[in-house]
Amino acid sequence: MQTEYDLNTLQIKRHGPLPGLQEQADTTRVRVTMMLDTDIVSYFKEMAEQPGNLSYKTYINQALRQIIHQPGVSE
């Protein structure tokens, strides 16, 4: 084991919801079909292409979850 690590090269793998949202996440999933703009899907696919990242669909789900939990957004 190394005595020191370079944190700039450390790769972090995260699974599941973003930190702070895990207790609010519902584990039930529903399949939906929807049309999204190409640039939106490309943005999330680029995020997902990084090593150790989640699928682009999970990132879209997390982004939507963050929006509905913002103050002032009606339920």
Protein backbone atom coordinates (compact mmCIF):
# COMPACT_ATOMS: atom_id res chain seq x y z
CA MET A 1 0.00 0.00 0.00
CA GLN A 2 1.29 3.46 -0.85
CA THR A 3 2.00 5.93 1.93
CA GLU A 4 0.81 8.85 -0.23
CA TYR A 5 -1.73 9.09 -3.02
CA ASP A 6 -2.07 11.73 -5.73
CA LEU A 7 -5.68 12.90 -5.34
CA ASN A 8 -5.58 14.53 -8.79
CA THR A 9 -5.37 11.11 -10.44
CA LEU A 10 -7.75 9.33 -8.05
CA GLN A 11 -10.73 7.81 -9.85
CA ILE A 12 -13.98 7.78 -7.91
CA LYS A 13 -16.67 5.26 -8.70
CA ARG A 14 -20.17 6.13 -7.57
CA HIS A 15 -23.18 3.86 -7.78
CA GLY A 16 -26.77 4.88 -7.18
CA PRO A 17 -28.27 8.30 -6.48
CA LEU A 18 -26.19 11.38 -5.87
CA PRO A 19 -25.09 11.89 -2.26
CA GLY A 20 -27.87 13.40 -0.18
CA LEU A 21 -30.62 12.02 -2.40
CA GLN A 22 -30.33 8.35 -1.50
CA GLU A 23 -32.87 8.45 1.33
CA GLN A 24 -35.38 10.06 -1.04
CA ALA A 25 -34.90 7.65 -3.93
CA ASP A 26 -37.73 5.32 -4.81
CA THR A 27 -36.41 1.96 -5.97
CA THR A 28 -39.45 1.31 -8.18
CA ARG A 29 -38.69 2.10 -11.81
CA VAL A 30 -41.17 2.69 -14.61
CA ARG A 31 -40.30 2.34 -18.29
CA VAL A 32 -41.21 5.43 -20.31
CA THR A 33 -40.72 6.45 -23.91
CA MET A 34 -40.09 10.12 -24.56
CA MET A 35 -38.49 12.34 -27.14
CA LEU A 36 -35.54 14.46 -25.95
CA ASP A 37 -33.47 16.98 -27.87
CA THR A 38 -30.28 15.56 -29.35
CA ASP A 39 -28.04 17.96 -27.45
CA ILE A 40 -29.59 16.93 -24.12
CA VAL A 41 -29.00 13.23 -24.73
CA SER A 42 -25.47 13.93 -26.05
CA TYR A 43 -24.62 15.87 -22.88
CA PHE A 44 -25.62 13.00 -20.59
CA LYS A 45 -24.00 10.36 -22.83
CA GLU A 46 -20.70 12.30 -22.69
CA MET A 47 -20.92 12.31 -18.89
CA ALA A 48 -21.52 8.55 -18.90
CA GLU A 49 -18.54 7.84 -21.17
CA GLN A 50 -16.06 8.79 -18.45
CA PRO A 51 -14.48 5.74 -16.78
CA GLY A 52 -16.35 4.62 -13.69
CA ASN A 53 -19.45 6.71 -14.38
CA LEU A 54 -23.07 5.61 -14.39
CA SER A 55 -25.30 5.17 -17.44
CA TYR A 56 -26.65 8.27 -19.17
CA LYS A 57 -30.19 7.25 -18.23
CA THR A 58 -29.26 7.27 -14.54
CA TYR A 59 -27.80 10.78 -14.92
CA ILE A 60 -31.00 12.01 -16.56
CA ASN A 61 -33.03 10.45 -13.72
CA GLN A 62 -30.81 12.13 -11.10
CA ALA A 63 -31.07 15.52 -12.84
CA LEU A 64 -34.87 15.26 -12.85
CA ARG A 65 -34.87 14.24 -9.18
CA GLN A 66 -32.77 17.29 -8.25
CA ILE A 67 -35.25 19.56 -10.04
CA ILE A 68 -38.32 18.21 -8.25
CA HIS A 69 -36.62 18.56 -4.84
CA GLN A 70 -35.74 22.23 -5.36
CA PRO A 71 -37.62 24.71 -3.18
CA GLY A 72 -40.53 26.30 -4.99
CA VAL A 73 -41.17 23.42 -7.39
CA SER A 74 -44.74 22.26 -6.93
CA GLU A 75 -45.40 18.57 -6.54
